[in-house]
N, C-alpha and C. Protein backbone atom coordinates (compact mmCIF):
# COMPACT_ATOMS: atom_id res chain seq x y z
N MET A 1 89.41 -193.72 -83.60
CA MET A 1 88.79 -194.80 -84.35
C MET A 1 87.39 -194.39 -84.79
N TYR A 2 87.03 -194.80 -85.97
CA TYR A 2 85.72 -194.45 -86.52
C TYR A 2 84.69 -195.47 -86.07
N GLN A 3 83.53 -194.99 -85.65
CA GLN A 3 82.44 -195.86 -85.19
C GLN A 3 81.49 -196.11 -86.36
N ILE A 4 81.49 -197.33 -86.87
CA ILE A 4 80.61 -197.71 -87.98
C ILE A 4 79.35 -198.33 -87.38
N GLU A 5 78.21 -197.84 -87.82
CA GLU A 5 76.92 -198.35 -87.34
C GLU A 5 76.24 -199.13 -88.45
N ASN A 6 75.29 -199.96 -88.07
CA ASN A 6 74.50 -200.75 -89.01
C ASN A 6 73.03 -200.52 -88.72
N LYS A 7 72.26 -200.24 -89.76
CA LYS A 7 70.83 -200.05 -89.61
C LYS A 7 70.13 -200.91 -90.65
N ILE A 8 69.14 -201.69 -90.20
CA ILE A 8 68.40 -202.58 -91.09
C ILE A 8 66.92 -202.23 -91.02
N GLU A 9 66.31 -202.12 -92.18
CA GLU A 9 64.85 -201.90 -92.28
C GLU A 9 64.33 -202.91 -93.29
N GLY A 10 63.61 -203.90 -92.79
CA GLY A 10 63.12 -204.96 -93.68
C GLY A 10 64.29 -205.77 -94.21
N ASN A 11 64.41 -205.85 -95.51
CA ASN A 11 65.53 -206.60 -96.09
C ASN A 11 66.64 -205.68 -96.61
N GLU A 12 66.55 -204.37 -96.32
CA GLU A 12 67.57 -203.43 -96.76
C GLU A 12 68.31 -202.87 -95.55
N GLY A 13 69.58 -202.61 -95.75
CA GLY A 13 70.36 -202.07 -94.65
C GLY A 13 71.51 -201.22 -95.13
N LYS A 14 72.20 -200.63 -94.16
CA LYS A 14 73.38 -199.84 -94.48
C LYS A 14 74.32 -199.82 -93.28
N PHE A 15 75.59 -199.86 -93.59
CA PHE A 15 76.63 -199.58 -92.63
C PHE A 15 77.01 -198.13 -92.90
N PHE A 16 77.19 -197.35 -91.85
CA PHE A 16 77.44 -195.93 -92.08
C PHE A 16 78.27 -195.31 -90.96
N TYR A 17 78.84 -194.15 -91.30
CA TYR A 17 79.63 -193.37 -90.36
C TYR A 17 79.06 -191.96 -90.35
N CYS A 18 78.82 -191.44 -89.14
CA CYS A 18 78.27 -190.09 -88.97
C CYS A 18 79.21 -189.21 -88.16
N GLU A 19 79.17 -187.93 -88.48
CA GLU A 19 79.80 -186.89 -87.66
C GLU A 19 78.77 -185.78 -87.53
N ASN A 20 78.54 -185.33 -86.31
CA ASN A 20 77.58 -184.25 -86.06
C ASN A 20 76.22 -184.53 -86.72
N ASP A 21 75.74 -185.75 -86.57
CA ASP A 21 74.44 -186.19 -87.12
C ASP A 21 74.36 -186.14 -88.64
N GLU A 22 75.50 -186.11 -89.30
CA GLU A 22 75.52 -186.12 -90.77
C GLU A 22 76.21 -187.40 -91.23
N VAL A 23 75.54 -188.14 -92.13
CA VAL A 23 76.13 -189.36 -92.68
C VAL A 23 77.21 -188.97 -93.69
N LEU A 24 78.45 -189.35 -93.39
CA LEU A 24 79.57 -189.01 -94.27
C LEU A 24 80.08 -190.21 -95.07
N ALA A 25 79.66 -191.40 -94.69
CA ALA A 25 80.05 -192.60 -95.42
C ALA A 25 78.97 -193.65 -95.22
N LYS A 26 78.67 -194.39 -96.30
CA LYS A 26 77.69 -195.47 -96.15
C LYS A 26 77.93 -196.55 -97.19
N MET A 27 77.53 -197.75 -96.80
CA MET A 27 77.58 -198.91 -97.68
C MET A 27 76.21 -199.58 -97.57
N THR A 28 75.49 -199.64 -98.67
CA THR A 28 74.13 -200.18 -98.64
C THR A 28 74.11 -201.63 -99.12
N TYR A 29 73.12 -202.36 -98.59
CA TYR A 29 72.99 -203.76 -98.95
C TYR A 29 71.54 -204.21 -98.89
N ILE A 30 71.28 -205.35 -99.52
CA ILE A 30 69.97 -206.00 -99.53
C ILE A 30 70.19 -207.44 -99.10
N ILE A 31 69.33 -207.93 -98.24
CA ILE A 31 69.41 -209.32 -97.80
C ILE A 31 68.38 -210.14 -98.59
N ASP A 32 68.85 -211.20 -99.22
CA ASP A 32 67.97 -212.15 -99.91
C ASP A 32 67.98 -213.43 -99.07
N GLU A 33 66.98 -213.57 -98.22
CA GLU A 33 66.90 -214.72 -97.30
C GLU A 33 66.75 -216.04 -98.05
N ARG A 34 66.07 -216.01 -99.20
CA ARG A 34 65.86 -217.25 -99.97
C ARG A 34 67.18 -217.86 -100.40
N LYS A 35 68.14 -217.00 -100.76
CA LYS A 35 69.43 -217.47 -101.24
C LYS A 35 70.53 -217.36 -100.19
N ASN A 36 70.18 -216.86 -99.01
CA ASN A 36 71.18 -216.62 -97.95
C ASN A 36 72.30 -215.70 -98.44
N GLU A 37 71.89 -214.61 -99.09
CA GLU A 37 72.86 -213.68 -99.67
C GLU A 37 72.70 -212.27 -99.11
N MET A 38 73.83 -211.61 -99.01
CA MET A 38 73.89 -210.19 -98.68
C MET A 38 74.46 -209.50 -99.92
N ILE A 39 73.61 -208.74 -100.60
CA ILE A 39 73.99 -208.08 -101.85
C ILE A 39 74.42 -206.66 -101.51
N ILE A 40 75.71 -206.40 -101.62
CA ILE A 40 76.24 -205.06 -101.33
C ILE A 40 76.24 -204.30 -102.64
N ASN A 41 75.40 -203.26 -102.70
CA ASN A 41 75.17 -202.59 -103.98
C ASN A 41 75.78 -201.20 -104.12
N HIS A 42 76.22 -200.58 -103.04
CA HIS A 42 76.76 -199.22 -103.18
C HIS A 42 77.59 -198.83 -101.96
N THR A 43 78.67 -198.13 -102.22
CA THR A 43 79.49 -197.56 -101.15
C THR A 43 79.80 -196.12 -101.53
N ASN A 44 79.70 -195.23 -100.55
CA ASN A 44 80.00 -193.82 -100.79
C ASN A 44 80.69 -193.24 -99.57
N VAL A 45 81.78 -192.52 -99.80
CA VAL A 45 82.51 -191.86 -98.72
C VAL A 45 82.71 -190.40 -99.11
N ASP A 46 82.41 -189.50 -98.19
CA ASP A 46 82.60 -188.08 -98.41
C ASP A 46 84.06 -187.82 -98.82
N PRO A 47 84.28 -186.97 -99.81
CA PRO A 47 85.64 -186.70 -100.28
C PRO A 47 86.61 -186.27 -99.16
N ALA A 48 86.11 -185.59 -98.14
CA ALA A 48 86.97 -185.16 -97.04
C ALA A 48 87.54 -186.33 -96.25
N LEU A 49 86.90 -187.51 -96.37
CA LEU A 49 87.34 -188.69 -95.61
C LEU A 49 88.04 -189.73 -96.47
N LYS A 50 88.19 -189.46 -97.76
CA LYS A 50 88.84 -190.42 -98.64
C LYS A 50 90.26 -190.69 -98.17
N GLY A 51 90.66 -191.95 -98.26
CA GLY A 51 92.00 -192.33 -97.88
C GLY A 51 92.19 -192.59 -96.39
N LYS A 52 91.13 -192.49 -95.61
CA LYS A 52 91.24 -192.70 -94.16
C LYS A 52 90.80 -194.09 -93.73
N GLY A 53 90.45 -194.94 -94.69
CA GLY A 53 90.13 -196.33 -94.39
C GLY A 53 88.69 -196.58 -93.96
N ILE A 54 87.83 -195.58 -94.08
CA ILE A 54 86.45 -195.76 -93.64
C ILE A 54 85.71 -196.74 -94.56
N GLY A 55 85.94 -196.64 -95.85
CA GLY A 55 85.31 -197.57 -96.78
C GLY A 55 85.69 -199.01 -96.47
N ALA A 56 86.97 -199.24 -96.25
CA ALA A 56 87.44 -200.59 -95.92
C ALA A 56 86.87 -201.06 -94.58
N LEU A 57 86.74 -200.15 -93.64
CA LEU A 57 86.18 -200.50 -92.33
C LEU A 57 84.71 -200.92 -92.47
N MET A 58 83.96 -200.22 -93.32
CA MET A 58 82.56 -200.60 -93.54
C MET A 58 82.48 -201.98 -94.18
N VAL A 59 83.37 -202.26 -95.13
CA VAL A 59 83.38 -203.58 -95.77
C VAL A 59 83.71 -204.65 -94.73
N GLU A 60 84.68 -204.39 -93.88
CA GLU A 60 85.04 -205.34 -92.83
C GLU A 60 83.86 -205.62 -91.91
N LYS A 61 83.13 -204.57 -91.52
CA LYS A 61 81.94 -204.75 -90.68
C LYS A 61 80.88 -205.56 -91.42
N GLY A 62 80.74 -205.32 -92.73
CA GLY A 62 79.80 -206.08 -93.53
C GLY A 62 80.17 -207.56 -93.60
N ILE A 63 81.46 -207.84 -93.73
CA ILE A 63 81.94 -209.23 -93.75
C ILE A 63 81.62 -209.90 -92.41
N GLN A 64 81.88 -209.21 -91.30
CA GLN A 64 81.59 -209.75 -89.98
C GLN A 64 80.09 -210.05 -89.83
N PHE A 65 79.27 -209.11 -90.26
CA PHE A 65 77.82 -209.28 -90.20
C PHE A 65 77.38 -210.49 -91.02
N ALA A 66 77.91 -210.60 -92.24
CA ALA A 66 77.56 -211.72 -93.11
C ALA A 66 77.98 -213.06 -92.49
N ARG A 67 79.17 -213.10 -91.93
CA ARG A 67 79.64 -214.34 -91.27
C ARG A 67 78.71 -214.72 -90.12
N GLU A 68 78.35 -213.74 -89.28
CA GLU A 68 77.49 -214.01 -88.14
C GLU A 68 76.13 -214.58 -88.56
N HIS A 69 75.62 -214.11 -89.71
CA HIS A 69 74.30 -214.53 -90.17
C HIS A 69 74.36 -215.62 -91.24
N LYS A 70 75.58 -216.08 -91.54
CA LYS A 70 75.80 -217.15 -92.51
C LYS A 70 75.32 -216.79 -93.92
N TYR A 71 75.53 -215.52 -94.30
CA TYR A 71 75.22 -215.06 -95.64
C TYR A 71 76.47 -215.13 -96.51
N LYS A 72 76.28 -215.38 -97.79
CA LYS A 72 77.32 -215.19 -98.78
C LYS A 72 77.16 -213.76 -99.30
N ILE A 73 78.25 -213.16 -99.73
CA ILE A 73 78.21 -211.78 -100.20
C ILE A 73 78.22 -211.75 -101.73
N VAL A 74 77.34 -210.93 -102.27
CA VAL A 74 77.31 -210.64 -103.71
C VAL A 74 77.77 -209.19 -103.82
N PRO A 75 79.03 -208.98 -104.22
CA PRO A 75 79.57 -207.61 -104.25
C PRO A 75 79.28 -206.89 -105.57
N LEU A 76 78.09 -206.31 -105.69
CA LEU A 76 77.76 -205.54 -106.89
C LEU A 76 78.54 -204.24 -106.96
N CYS A 77 78.91 -203.71 -105.81
CA CYS A 77 79.70 -202.48 -105.74
C CYS A 77 81.15 -202.81 -106.12
N PRO A 78 81.71 -202.12 -107.13
CA PRO A 78 83.09 -202.41 -107.56
C PRO A 78 84.13 -202.22 -106.45
N PHE A 79 83.94 -201.23 -105.59
CA PHE A 79 84.86 -201.00 -104.48
C PHE A 79 84.91 -202.22 -103.56
N VAL A 80 83.75 -202.74 -103.22
CA VAL A 80 83.66 -203.90 -102.34
C VAL A 80 84.26 -205.13 -103.02
N ALA A 81 83.95 -205.32 -104.28
CA ALA A 81 84.50 -206.47 -105.02
C ALA A 81 86.02 -206.42 -105.03
N THR A 82 86.59 -205.25 -105.25
CA THR A 82 88.04 -205.09 -105.28
C THR A 82 88.66 -205.43 -103.93
N LEU A 83 88.06 -204.91 -102.85
CA LEU A 83 88.60 -205.19 -101.52
C LEU A 83 88.53 -206.68 -101.17
N ILE A 84 87.41 -207.30 -101.47
CA ILE A 84 87.27 -208.73 -101.17
C ILE A 84 88.29 -209.54 -101.96
N ASN A 85 88.50 -209.18 -103.22
CA ASN A 85 89.46 -209.91 -104.04
C ASN A 85 90.89 -209.76 -103.55
N ARG A 86 91.19 -208.68 -102.83
CA ARG A 86 92.54 -208.43 -102.31
C ARG A 86 92.81 -209.15 -100.99
N LYS A 87 91.77 -209.63 -100.34
CA LYS A 87 91.92 -210.24 -99.01
C LYS A 87 91.62 -211.74 -99.08
N PRO A 88 92.65 -212.57 -99.05
CA PRO A 88 92.42 -214.02 -99.11
C PRO A 88 91.49 -214.52 -98.01
N GLU A 89 91.54 -213.90 -96.84
CA GLU A 89 90.70 -214.35 -95.73
C GLU A 89 89.22 -214.05 -95.94
N TRP A 90 88.88 -213.29 -96.97
CA TRP A 90 87.48 -212.98 -97.28
C TRP A 90 86.95 -213.75 -98.49
N GLN A 91 87.81 -214.48 -99.16
CA GLN A 91 87.43 -215.16 -100.40
C GLN A 91 86.28 -216.15 -100.20
N ASP A 92 86.18 -216.73 -99.01
CA ASP A 92 85.11 -217.69 -98.75
C ASP A 92 83.73 -217.04 -98.67
N MET A 93 83.69 -215.73 -98.63
CA MET A 93 82.42 -215.03 -98.44
C MET A 93 81.68 -214.78 -99.75
N ILE A 94 82.34 -214.95 -100.88
CA ILE A 94 81.66 -214.69 -102.16
C ILE A 94 81.29 -215.98 -102.86
């Protein structure tokens, strides 16, 4: 199983996966506290890991984080928007 971590600095954060201290996948976001929004703006997965579900796992962790903090998600990243649109259980998050 892949261990996805979350790091927040100020209002910016990222969910990411590392191997041997190298970031191989990440999903970046910005928190807008005024609007209670989590704006997911970019997702990137190393080509060697494509198709292994790491991108979807990062999105799932992001959804969990947003639910815990009562944020709505603004999926600027097309990958994230596509995944959210495919999952009826996530529709309430946008």
